[in-house]
Amino acid sequence: MRRFWKWAGLVLASVAVLALAAVAYVYAASEAIIAHQYPLPLSRVHASRDPKVIALGQHLVRPYGCADCHRPHLQGAFIPDFGVSSRNLTRLASTFSDADFDHAIREGLRPDGTSVAESMPSDAFQYMPDADAAAIVSYIRSLRAAGPDIPPPSYSFWQRVALLKGAIHVGQYWFPLQKQALDLGARYARARQMAMTACGECHGTSLEGQSMGPPPHPPNLSIVASYNRADFLKFMHTGKAAGNRELPMMSAVARVRISKLSDDELNALYDYLAARGRKLASMGK
């Protein structure tokens, strides 16, 4: 009996050592991914006190989704879909430089060069023009600091396991996968930029649709060519698709985000997306 307990103790000790080694490996290997530092590119973004620039930023944070995740006053909040809390941008303004904000928004990088979490859709913002980024930073700086200071998201043990298995990723993972949308020339340039930024999070910046996550998957936006202008505008304003249909995800996104674009912007968006759809059809795509 004494020998049995001796061997049982050795087995339990071995299992404990192996478990500790596995935990240590998970933390060390995942930390190498999380703490990897990327080069910080030169930023050309500078905040302005010009009321028109600030007003543009205030306008853009809604269709671009900033006010959705960081909430209308940009003070951050818990996001159930991701299980994380977004940062309080009004508090960050006291420690972030203009370049720090720009790097986080368009490059997906923190001030130390590490990647933001993939819940921050910087990959979809990478083609945002300097003027839009500057306007958003200007608007953030115009706000009075309020609300609690929310720390950056941290990774639990099981999230680290998922990171090593490739079930989740750091934000930088997605950047090379996002391509620019079809360029149809100067006439559609602004609408193309807005489409990549406002629609890219779900449909990809190429606007070709994405198949990540459970179905139904966001489609190629060439589908807009099958919409007439009135039905498209109704969809974007009310969330009701052709035939008065309520669509998963997109109907809510239309009401909360896209409907905040001006009528001129929505008409320009329709013109570009419909022209893109016709062009792709003529190319057999």
C-alpha atoms as a PDB file:
ATOM      1  CA  MET A   1       0.000   0.000   0.000  1.00  0.00           C
ATOM      2  CA  ARG A   2       2.851   2.361   0.862  1.00  0.00           C
ATOM      3  CA  ARG A   3       4.383   1.687  -2.547  1.00  0.00           C
ATOM      4  CA  PHE A   4       1.031   2.441  -4.226  1.00  0.00           C
ATOM      5  CA  TRP A   5       0.758   5.831  -2.565  1.00  0.00           C
ATOM      6  CA  LYS A   6       4.350   6.582  -3.487  1.00  0.00           C
ATOM      7  CA  TRP A   7       3.696   5.895  -7.164  1.00  0.00           C
ATOM      8  CA  ALA A   8       0.358   7.696  -7.069  1.00  0.00           C
ATOM      9  CA  GLY A   9       2.110  10.739  -5.638  1.00  0.00           C
ATOM     10  CA  LEU A  10       4.744  10.601  -8.365  1.00  0.00           C
ATOM     11  CA  VAL A  11       2.060  10.378 -11.066  1.00  0.00           C
ATOM     12  CA  LEU A  12       0.128  13.304  -9.634  1.00  0.00           C
ATOM     13  CA  ALA A  13       3.310  15.344  -9.314  1.00  0.00           C
ATOM     14  CA  SER A  14       4.218  14.552 -12.926  1.00  0.00           C
ATOM     15  CA  VAL A  15       0.750  15.566 -14.117  1.00  0.00           C
ATOM     16  CA  ALA A  16       1.006  18.815 -12.149  1.00  0.00           C
ATOM     17  CA  VAL A  17       4.431  19.558 -13.644  1.00  0.00           C
ATOM     18  CA  LEU A  18       3.160  18.859 -17.164  1.00  0.00           C
ATOM     19  CA  ALA A  19       0.111  21.064 -16.577  1.00  0.00           C
ATOM     20  CA  LEU A  20       2.283  23.905 -15.310  1.00  0.00           C
ATOM     21  CA  ALA A  21       4.603  23.459 -18.288  1.00  0.00           C
ATOM     22  CA  ALA A  22       1.627  23.601 -20.663  1.00  0.00           C
ATOM     23  CA  VAL A  23       0.317  26.772 -19.020  1.00  0.00           C
ATOM     24  CA  ALA A  24       3.784  28.324 -19.150  1.00  0.00           C
ATOM     25  CA  TYR A  25       4.074  27.442 -22.841  1.00  0.00           C
ATOM     26  CA  VAL A  26       0.671  28.958 -23.640  1.00  0.00           C
ATOM     27  CA  TYR A  27       1.576  32.214 -21.916  1.00  0.00           C
ATOM     28  CA  ALA A  28       5.096  32.412 -23.386  1.00  0.00           C
ATOM     29  CA  ALA A  29       4.082  31.515 -26.944  1.00  0.00           C
ATOM     30  CA  SER A  30       1.015  33.752 -26.976  1.00  0.00           C
ATOM     31  CA  GLU A  31       2.926  36.629 -25.405  1.00  0.00           C
ATOM     32  CA  ALA A  32       5.417  36.468 -28.276  1.00  0.00           C
ATOM     33  CA  ILE A  33       2.496  37.226 -30.607  1.00  0.00           C
ATOM     34  CA  ILE A  34       0.816  39.811 -28.382  1.00  0.00           C
ATOM     35  CA  ALA A  35       4.031  41.670 -27.504  1.00  0.00           C
ATOM     36  CA  HIS A  36       5.515  41.630 -31.020  1.00  0.00           C
ATOM     37  CA  GLN A  37       6.461  45.178 -31.995  1.00  0.00           C
ATOM     38  CA  TYR A  38       5.850  46.463 -35.514  1.00  0.00           C
ATOM     39  CA  PRO A  39       7.516  49.537 -37.022  1.00  0.00           C
ATOM     40  CA  LEU A  40       5.492  52.713 -36.556  1.00  0.00           C
ATOM     41  CA  PRO A  41       5.191  54.579 -39.882  1.00  0.00           C
ATOM     42  CA  LEU A  42       5.443  58.337 -40.133  1.00  0.00           C
ATOM     43  CA  SER A  43       2.057  59.957 -39.526  1.00  0.00           C
ATOM     44  CA  ARG A  44       0.898  62.978 -41.495  1.00  0.00           C
ATOM     45  CA  VAL A  45      -2.138  63.567 -39.269  1.00  0.00           C
ATOM     46  CA  HIS A  46      -2.380  66.737 -37.184  1.00  0.00           C
ATOM     47  CA  ALA A  47      -5.404  67.780 -35.148  1.00  0.00           C
ATOM     48  CA  SER A  48      -7.061  71.075 -35.999  1.00  0.00           C
ATOM     49  CA  ARG A  49      -9.218  73.516 -34.062  1.00  0.00           C
ATOM     50  CA  ASP A  50     -11.041  74.556 -37.224  1.00  0.00           C
ATOM     51  CA  PRO A  51     -14.785  74.134 -36.490  1.00  0.00           C
ATOM     52  CA  LYS A  52     -15.369  72.725 -39.989  1.00  0.00           C
ATOM     53  CA  VAL A  53     -12.722  70.034 -39.481  1.00  0.00           C
ATOM     54  CA  ILE A  54     -14.129  69.149 -36.051  1.00  0.00           C
ATOM     55  CA  ALA A  55     -17.658  69.014 -37.495  1.00  0.00           C
ATOM     56  CA  LEU A  56     -16.468  66.615 -40.197  1.00  0.00           C
ATOM     57  CA  GLY A  57     -14.936  64.381 -37.530  1.00  0.00           C
ATOM     58  CA  GLN A  58     -18.140  64.464 -35.497  1.00  0.00           C
ATOM     59  CA  HIS A  59     -20.038  63.457 -38.621  1.00  0.00           C
ATOM     60  CA  LEU A  60     -17.689  60.606 -39.591  1.00  0.00           C
ATOM     61  CA  VAL A  61     -17.472  58.817 -36.239  1.00  0.00           C
ATOM     62  CA  ARG A  62     -21.015  57.527 -36.686  1.00  0.00           C
ATOM     63  CA  PRO A  63     -20.999  55.950 -40.182  1.00  0.00           C
ATOM     64  CA  TYR A  64     -17.416  54.741 -39.639  1.00  0.00           C
ATOM     65  CA  GLY A  65     -18.496  52.906 -36.489  1.00  0.00           C
ATOM     66  CA  CYS A  66     -16.377  54.746 -33.887  1.00  0.00           C
ATOM     67  CA  ALA A  67     -19.469  55.909 -31.994  1.00  0.00           C
ATOM     68  CA  ASP A  68     -20.931  52.411 -32.198  1.00  0.00           C
ATOM     69  CA  CYS A  69     -18.077  50.654 -30.358  1.00  0.00           C
ATOM     70  CA  HIS A  70     -16.770  53.579 -28.285  1.00  0.00           C
ATOM     71  CA  ARG A  71     -20.326  54.859 -27.770  1.00  0.00           C
ATOM     72  CA  PRO A  72     -21.766  58.244 -28.865  1.00  0.00           C
ATOM     73  CA  HIS A  73     -19.622  60.331 -26.505  1.00  0.00           C
ATOM     74  CA  LEU A  74     -16.522  58.184 -27.236  1.00  0.00           C
ATOM     75  CA  GLN A  75     -16.148  57.306 -23.548  1.00  0.00           C
ATOM     76  CA  GLY A  76     -15.918  53.561 -24.189  1.00  0.00           C
ATOM     77  CA  ALA A  77     -18.129  50.709 -23.011  1.00  0.00           C
ATOM     78  CA  PHE A  78     -18.353  46.945 -22.768  1.00  0.00           C
ATOM     79  CA  ILE A  79     -19.014  45.353 -26.168  1.00  0.00           C
ATOM     80  CA  PRO A  80     -20.940  42.086 -25.712  1.00  0.00           C
ATOM     81  CA  ASP A  81     -20.211  40.838 -29.249  1.00  0.00           C
ATOM     82  CA  PHE A  82     -16.467  40.820 -28.531  1.00  0.00           C
ATOM     83  CA  GLY A  83     -16.482  40.368 -24.765  1.00  0.00           C
ATOM     84  CA  VAL A  84     -14.150  43.353 -24.314  1.00  0.00           C
ATOM     85  CA  SER A  85     -14.440  46.995 -23.341  1.00  0.00           C
ATOM     86  CA  SER A  86     -13.569  49.739 -25.816  1.00  0.00           C
ATOM     87  CA  ARG A  87     -11.239  52.518 -24.703  1.00  0.00           C
ATOM     88  CA  ASN A  88     -12.379  55.902 -23.409  1.00  0.00           C
ATOM     89  CA  LEU A  89     -11.028  58.124 -26.193  1.00  0.00           C
ATOM     90  CA  THR A  90     -11.693  61.332 -24.256  1.00  0.00           C
ATOM     91  CA  ARG A  91      -9.287  60.111 -21.558  1.00  0.00           C
ATOM     92  CA  LEU A  92      -6.721  58.826 -24.039  1.00  0.00           C
ATOM     93  CA  ALA A  93      -6.502  62.312 -25.542  1.00  0.00           C
ATOM     94  CA  SER A  94      -4.373  63.429 -22.581  1.00  0.00           C
ATOM     95  CA  THR A  95      -1.691  60.791 -23.232  1.00  0.00           C
ATOM     96  CA  PHE A  96      -1.981  59.989 -26.954  1.00  0.00           C
ATOM     97  CA  SER A  97      -0.313  62.215 -29.524  1.00  0.00           C
ATOM     98  CA  ASP A  98      -2.012  62.867 -32.860  1.00  0.00           C
ATOM     99  CA  ALA A  99       0.294  60.238 -34.357  1.00  0.00           C
ATOM    100  CA  ASP A 100      -0.656  57.751 -31.618  1.00  0.00           C
ATOM    101  CA  PHE A 101      -4.325  58.108 -32.515  1.00  0.00           C
ATOM    102  CA  ASP A 102      -3.553  57.821 -36.219  1.00  0.00           C
ATOM    103  CA  HIS A 103      -1.457  54.689 -35.693  1.00  0.00           C
ATOM    104  CA  ALA A 104      -4.245  53.079 -33.667  1.00  0.00           C
ATOM    105  CA  ILE A 105      -6.964  54.038 -36.157  1.00  0.00           C
ATOM    106  CA  ARG A 106      -5.295  53.289 -39.487  1.00  0.00           C
ATOM    107  CA  GLU A 107      -2.303  51.091 -38.632  1.00  0.00           C
ATOM    108  CA  GLY A 108      -3.740  49.029 -35.766  1.00  0.00           C
ATOM    109  CA  LEU A 109      -0.737  49.833 -33.587  1.00  0.00           C
ATOM    110  CA  ARG A 110      -0.370  51.037 -30.028  1.00  0.00           C
ATOM    111  CA  PRO A 111       2.230  53.704 -29.145  1.00  0.00           C
ATOM    112  CA  ASP A 112       4.759  50.960 -28.302  1.00  0.00           C
ATOM    113  CA  GLY A 113       4.295  49.313 -31.711  1.00  0.00           C
ATOM    114  CA  THR A 114       2.308  46.299 -30.483  1.00  0.00           C
ATOM    115  CA  SER A 115      -0.892  45.336 -32.266  1.00  0.00           C
ATOM    116  CA  VAL A 116      -4.346  46.348 -31.144  1.00  0.00           C
ATOM    117  CA  ALA A 117      -6.855  43.550 -30.535  1.00  0.00           C
ATOM    118  CA  GLU A 118      -8.799  42.378 -33.581  1.00  0.00           C
ATOM    119  CA  SER A 119     -11.967  43.874 -32.092  1.00  0.00           C
ATOM    120  CA  MET A 120     -10.564  47.221 -33.303  1.00  0.00           C
ATOM    121  CA  PRO A 121     -11.189  47.137 -37.084  1.00  0.00           C
ATOM    122  CA  SER A 122      -8.111  49.152 -38.053  1.00  0.00           C
ATOM    123  CA  ASP A 123      -7.548  46.898 -41.057  1.00  0.00           C
ATOM    124  CA  ALA A 124     -10.781  48.293 -42.512  1.00  0.00           C
ATOM    125  CA  PHE A 125      -9.576  51.844 -41.834  1.00  0.00           C
ATOM    126  CA  GLN A 126      -6.121  51.512 -43.418  1.00  0.00           C
ATOM    127  CA  TYR A 127      -7.236  53.249 -46.631  1.00  0.00           C
ATOM    128  CA  MET A 128      -8.948  56.117 -44.813  1.00  0.00           C
ATOM    129  CA  PRO A 129      -7.599  59.409 -46.252  1.00  0.00           C
ATOM    130  CA  ASP A 130      -5.461  61.700 -44.096  1.00  0.00           C
ATOM    131  CA  ALA A 131      -8.184  64.358 -44.019  1.00  0.00           C
ATOM    132  CA  ASP A 132     -10.733  61.970 -42.506  1.00  0.00           C
ATOM    133  CA  ALA A 133      -8.276  60.675 -39.909  1.00  0.00           C
ATOM    134  CA  ALA A 134      -7.282  64.238 -38.989  1.00  0.00           C
ATOM    135  CA  ALA A 135     -10.935  65.247 -38.660  1.00  0.00           C
ATOM    136  CA  ILE A 136     -11.685  62.332 -36.330  1.00  0.00           C
ATOM    137  CA  VAL A 137      -8.646  63.087 -34.150  1.00  0.00           C
ATOM    138  CA  SER A 138      -9.658  66.763 -34.096  1.00  0.00           C
ATOM    139  CA  TYR A 139     -13.134  65.829 -32.922  1.00  0.00           C
ATOM    140  CA  ILE A 140     -11.766  63.563 -30.178  1.00  0.00           C
ATOM    141  CA  ARG A 141      -9.562  66.412 -28.937  1.00  0.00           C
ATOM    142  CA  SER A 142     -12.535  68.782 -28.889  1.00  0.00           C
ATOM    143  CA  LEU A 143     -14.350  66.630 -26.315  1.00  0.00           C
ATOM    144  CA  ARG A 144     -14.123  67.183 -22.573  1.00  0.00           C
ATOM    145  CA  ALA A 145     -12.547  64.242 -20.760  1.00  0.00           C
ATOM    146  CA  ALA A 146     -15.306  62.363 -18.947  1.00  0.00           C
ATOM    147  CA  GLY A 147     -16.177  58.868 -17.805  1.00  0.00           C
ATOM    148  CA  PRO A 148     -13.873  56.172 -16.416  1.00  0.00           C
ATOM    149  CA  ASP A 149     -10.437  55.438 -17.829  1.00  0.00           C
ATOM    150  CA  ILE A 150     -10.741  52.003 -19.449  1.00  0.00           C
ATOM    151  CA  PRO A 151      -7.527  49.948 -19.798  1.00  0.00           C
ATOM    152  CA  PRO A 152      -6.681  48.159 -23.049  1.00  0.00           C
ATOM    153  CA  PRO A 153      -8.162  44.674 -23.494  1.00  0.00           C
ATOM    154  CA  SER A 154      -6.188  41.839 -21.908  1.00  0.00           C
ATOM    155  CA  TYR A 155      -6.103  38.196 -22.995  1.00  0.00           C
ATOM    156  CA  SER A 156      -7.461  35.456 -20.739  1.00  0.00           C
ATOM    157  CA  PHE A 157      -5.820  32.029 -20.680  1.00  0.00           C
ATOM    158  CA  TRP A 158      -8.406  30.559 -23.030  1.00  0.00           C
ATOM    159  CA  GLN A 159      -8.149  33.521 -25.385  1.00  0.00           C
ATOM    160  CA  ARG A 160      -4.402  32.886 -25.480  1.00  0.00           C
ATOM    161  CA  VAL A 161      -5.075  29.254 -26.352  1.00  0.00           C
ATOM    162  CA  ALA A 162      -7.435  30.419 -29.109  1.00  0.00           C
ATOM    163  CA  LEU A 163      -4.740  32.810 -30.343  1.00  0.00           C
ATOM    164  CA  LEU A 164      -2.238  29.951 -30.655  1.00  0.00           C
ATOM    165  CA  LYS A 165      -4.813  27.765 -32.417  1.00  0.00           C
ATOM    166  CA  GLY A 166      -5.600  30.545 -34.903  1.00  0.00           C
ATOM    167  CA  ALA A 167      -9.203  30.823 -33.735  1.00  0.00           C
ATOM    168  CA  ILE A 168      -8.619  34.500 -32.923  1.00  0.00           C
ATOM    169  CA  HIS A 169      -5.871  36.881 -34.018  1.00  0.00           C
ATOM    170  CA  VAL A 170      -4.232  40.161 -33.169  1.00  0.00           C
ATOM    171  CA  GLY A 171      -5.386  43.053 -35.324  1.00  0.00           C
ATOM    172  CA  GLN A 172      -2.277  43.016 -37.531  1.00  0.00           C
ATOM    173  CA  TYR A 173      -3.172  39.595 -38.891  1.00  0.00           C
ATOM    174  CA  TRP A 174      -5.931  41.057 -41.051  1.00  0.00           C
ATOM    175  CA  PHE A 175      -4.038  43.914 -42.706  1.00  0.00           C
ATOM    176  CA  PRO A 176      -2.476  41.994 -45.639  1.00  0.00           C
ATOM    177  CA  LEU A 177      -5.843  40.386 -46.404  1.00  0.00           C
ATOM    178  CA  GLN A 178      -7.590  43.699 -47.048  1.00  0.00           C
ATOM    179  CA  LYS A 179      -7.208  44.976 -50.620  1.00  0.00           C
ATOM    180  CA  GLN A 180      -8.400  48.220 -52.159  1.00  0.00           C
ATOM    181  CA  ALA A 181     -11.734  48.403 -53.936  1.00  0.00           C
ATOM    182  CA  LEU A 182     -11.994  48.776 -57.703  1.00  0.00           C
ATOM    183  CA  ASP A 183     -10.907  52.276 -58.761  1.00  0.00           C
ATOM    184  CA  LEU A 184     -13.344  53.841 -61.218  1.00  0.00           C
ATOM    185  CA  GLY A 185     -11.629  57.208 -61.491  1.00  0.00           C
ATOM    186  CA  ALA A 186     -11.888  60.680 -59.999  1.00  0.00           C
ATOM    187  CA  ARG A 187     -15.671  60.935 -60.351  1.00  0.00           C
ATOM    188  CA  TYR A 188     -16.150  58.164 -57.786  1.00  0.00           C
ATOM    189  CA  ALA A 189     -13.016  58.723 -55.677  1.00  0.00           C
ATOM    190  CA  ARG A 190     -14.640  60.089 -52.518  1.00  0.00           C
ATOM    191  CA  ALA A 191     -17.472  57.550 -52.530  1.00  0.00           C
ATOM    192  CA  ARG A 192     -14.948  54.737 -53.047  1.00  0.00           C
ATOM    193  CA  GLN A 193     -12.945  55.927 -50.021  1.00  0.00           C
ATOM    194  CA  MET A 194     -16.061  56.122 -47.880  1.00  0.00           C
ATOM    195  CA  ALA A 195     -17.243  52.693 -49.036  1.00  0.00           C
ATOM    196  CA  MET A 196     -13.926  51.058 -48.121  1.00  0.00           C
ATOM    197  CA  THR A 197     -13.977  52.692 -44.680  1.00  0.00           C
ATOM    198  CA  ALA A 198     -17.668  52.481 -43.783  1.00  0.00           C
ATOM    199  CA  CYS A 199     -18.367  49.088 -45.371  1.00  0.00           C
ATOM    200  CA  GLY A 200     -14.947  47.416 -45.148  1.00  0.00           C
ATOM    201  CA  GLU A 201     -15.316  46.039 -41.627  1.00  0.00           C
ATOM    202  CA  CYS A 202     -17.959  43.550 -42.790  1.00  0.00           C
ATOM    203  CA  HIS A 203     -17.655  43.398 -46.583  1.00  0.00           C
ATOM    204  CA  GLY A 204     -13.857  43.783 -46.732  1.00  0.00           C
ATOM    205  CA  THR A 205     -12.138  46.877 -48.082  1.00  0.00           C
ATOM    206  CA  SER A 206     -12.228  45.286 -51.542  1.00  0.00           C
ATOM    207  CA  LEU A 207     -16.034  45.205 -51.060  1.00  0.00           C
ATOM    208  CA  GLU A 208     -15.980  41.616 -52.342  1.00  0.00           C
ATOM    209  CA  GLY A 209     -17.552  40.169 -49.190  1.00  0.00           C
ATOM    210  CA  GLN A 210     -15.990  38.101 -46.426  1.00  0.00           C
ATOM    211  CA  SER A 211     -16.662  34.548 -45.255  1.00  0.00           C
ATOM    212  CA  MET A 212     -15.326  34.733 -41.696  1.00  0.00           C
ATOM    213  CA  GLY A 213     -17.690  33.861 -38.870  1.00  0.00           C
ATOM    214  CA  PRO A 214     -21.002  31.996 -39.102  1.00  0.00           C
ATOM    215  CA  PRO A 215     -23.346  32.536 -42.075  1.00  0.00           C
ATOM    216  CA  PRO A 216     -24.986  34.466 -43.539  1.00  0.00           C
ATOM    217  CA  HIS A 217     -21.791  36.078 -44.782  1.00  0.00           C
ATOM    218  CA  PRO A 218     -21.585  39.689 -46.003  1.00  0.00           C
ATOM    219  CA  PRO A 219     -21.920  39.560 -49.820  1.00  0.00           C
ATOM    220  CA  ASN A 220     -19.968  41.209 -52.593  1.00  0.00           C
ATOM    221  CA  LEU A 221     -21.376  44.734 -52.849  1.00  0.00           C
ATOM    222  CA  SER A 222     -21.702  44.313 -56.598  1.00  0.00           C
ATOM    223  CA  ILE A 223     -25.223  43.328 -55.516  1.00  0.00           C
ATOM    224  CA  VAL A 224     -26.010  47.052 -55.287  1.00  0.00           C
ATOM    225  CA  ALA A 225     -26.191  47.143 -59.101  1.00  0.00           C
ATOM    226  CA  SER A 226     -29.416  45.137 -58.810  1.00  0.00           C
ATOM    227  CA  TYR A 227     -30.985  47.829 -56.600  1.00  0.00           C
ATOM    228  CA  ASN A 228     -32.669  50.915 -57.956  1.00  0.00           C
ATOM    229  CA  ARG A 229     -31.699  54.151 -56.258  1.00  0.00           C
ATOM    230  CA  ALA A 230     -34.928  54.526 -54.263  1.00  0.00           C
ATOM    231  CA  ASP A 231     -34.718  51.008 -52.799  1.00  0.00           C
ATOM    232  CA  PHE A 232     -31.043  51.463 -51.924  1.00  0.00           C
ATOM    233  CA  LEU A 233     -31.670  54.778 -50.162  1.00  0.00           C
ATOM    234  CA  LYS A 234     -34.630  53.302 -48.289  1.00  0.00           C
ATOM    235  CA  PHE A 235     -32.454  50.369 -47.193  1.00  0.00           C
ATOM    236  CA  MET A 236     -29.675  52.646 -45.942  1.00  0.00           C
ATOM    237  CA  HIS A 237     -32.095  54.984 -44.149  1.00  0.00           C
ATOM    238  CA  THR A 238     -34.442  52.429 -42.570  1.00  0.00           C
ATOM    239  CA  GLY A 239     -32.658  49.081 -42.664  1.00  0.00           C
ATOM    240  CA  LYS A 240     -35.430  47.622 -44.822  1.00  0.00           C
ATOM    241  CA  ALA A 241     -34.039  45.837 -47.885  1.00  0.00           C
ATOM    242  CA  ALA A 242     -35.879  45.380 -51.190  1.00  0.00           C
ATOM    243  CA  GLY A 243     -39.234  43.741 -50.511  1.00  0.00           C
ATOM    244  CA  ASN A 244     -39.313  45.395 -47.085  1.00  0.00           C
ATOM    245  CA  ARG A 245     -37.040  42.652 -45.725  1.00  0.00           C
ATOM    246  CA  GLU A 246     -35.168  42.775 -42.425  1.00  0.00           C
ATOM    247  CA  LEU A 247     -31.672  41.342 -42.975  1.00  0.00           C
ATOM    248  CA  PRO A 248     -29.409  39.857 -40.285  1.00  0.00           C
ATOM    249  CA  MET A 249     -26.746  42.363 -39.185  1.00  0.00           C
ATOM    250  CA  MET A 250     -27.004  44.680 -42.201  1.00  0.00           C
ATOM    251  CA  SER A 251     -30.396  46.123 -41.303  1.00  0.00           C
ATOM    252  CA  ALA A 252     -29.106  47.135 -37.868  1.00  0.00           C
ATOM    253  CA  VAL A 253     -25.837  48.465 -39.316  1.00  0.00           C
ATOM    254  CA  ALA A 254     -27.771  50.546 -41.835  1.00  0.00           C
ATOM    255  CA  ARG A 255     -29.929  52.128 -39.146  1.00  0.00           C
ATOM    256  CA  VAL A 256     -27.135  52.724 -36.611  1.00  0.00           C
ATOM    257  CA  ARG A 257     -24.264  53.656 -38.934  1.00  0.00           C
ATOM    258  CA  ILE A 258     -24.878  54.105 -42.636  1.00  0.00           C
ATOM    259  CA  SER A 259     -28.055  56.157 -42.211  1.00  0.00           C
ATOM    260  CA  LYS A 260     -25.889  58.862 -40.613  1.00  0.00           C
ATOM    261  CA  LEU A 261     -24.325  59.672 -43.984  1.00  0.00           C
ATOM    262  CA  SER A 262     -25.813  62.696 -45.698  1.00  0.00           C
ATOM    263  CA  ASP A 263     -28.165  62.274 -48.653  1.00  0.00           C
ATOM    264  CA  ASP A 264     -25.421  63.519 -50.967  1.00  0.00           C
ATOM    265  CA  GLU A 265     -23.005  60.930 -49.542  1.00  0.00           C
ATOM    266  CA  LEU A 266     -25.553  58.120 -49.821  1.00  0.00           C
ATOM    267  CA  ASN A 267     -26.333  59.029 -53.421  1.00  0.00           C
ATOM    268  CA  ALA A 268     -22.618  59.122 -54.230  1.00  0.00           C
ATOM    269  CA  LEU A 269     -22.192  55.763 -52.483  1.00  0.00           C
ATOM    270  CA  TYR A 270     -24.975  54.288 -54.612  1.00  0.00           C
ATOM    271  CA  ASP A 271     -23.444  55.716 -57.790  1.00  0.00           C
ATOM    272  CA  TYR A 272     -20.063  54.143 -57.037  1.00  0.00           C
ATOM    273  CA  LEU A 273     -21.310  50.754 -55.834  1.00  0.00           C
ATOM    274  CA  ALA A 274     -23.754  50.391 -58.733  1.00  0.00           C
ATOM    275  CA  ALA A 275     -21.094  51.440 -61.263  1.00  0.00           C
ATOM    276  CA  ARG A 276     -18.650  48.999 -59.660  1.00  0.00           C
ATOM    277  CA  GLY A 277     -21.208  46.200 -59.916  1.00  0.00           C
ATOM    278  CA  ARG A 278     -21.828  46.924 -63.602  1.00  0.00           C
ATOM    279  CA  LYS A 279     -18.092  47.097 -64.309  1.00  0.00           C
ATOM    280  CA  LEU A 280     -17.423  43.781 -62.587  1.00  0.00           C
ATOM    281  CA  ALA A 281     -20.309  42.188 -64.502  1.00  0.00           C
ATOM    282  CA  SER A 282     -18.848  43.428 -67.794  1.00  0.00           C
ATOM    283  CA  MET A 283     -15.535  41.836 -66.774  1.00  0.00           C
ATOM    284  CA  GLY A 284     -17.255  38.537 -66.043  1.00  0.00           C
ATOM    285  CA  LYS A 285     -16.648  38.782 -62.297  1.00  0.00           C
END
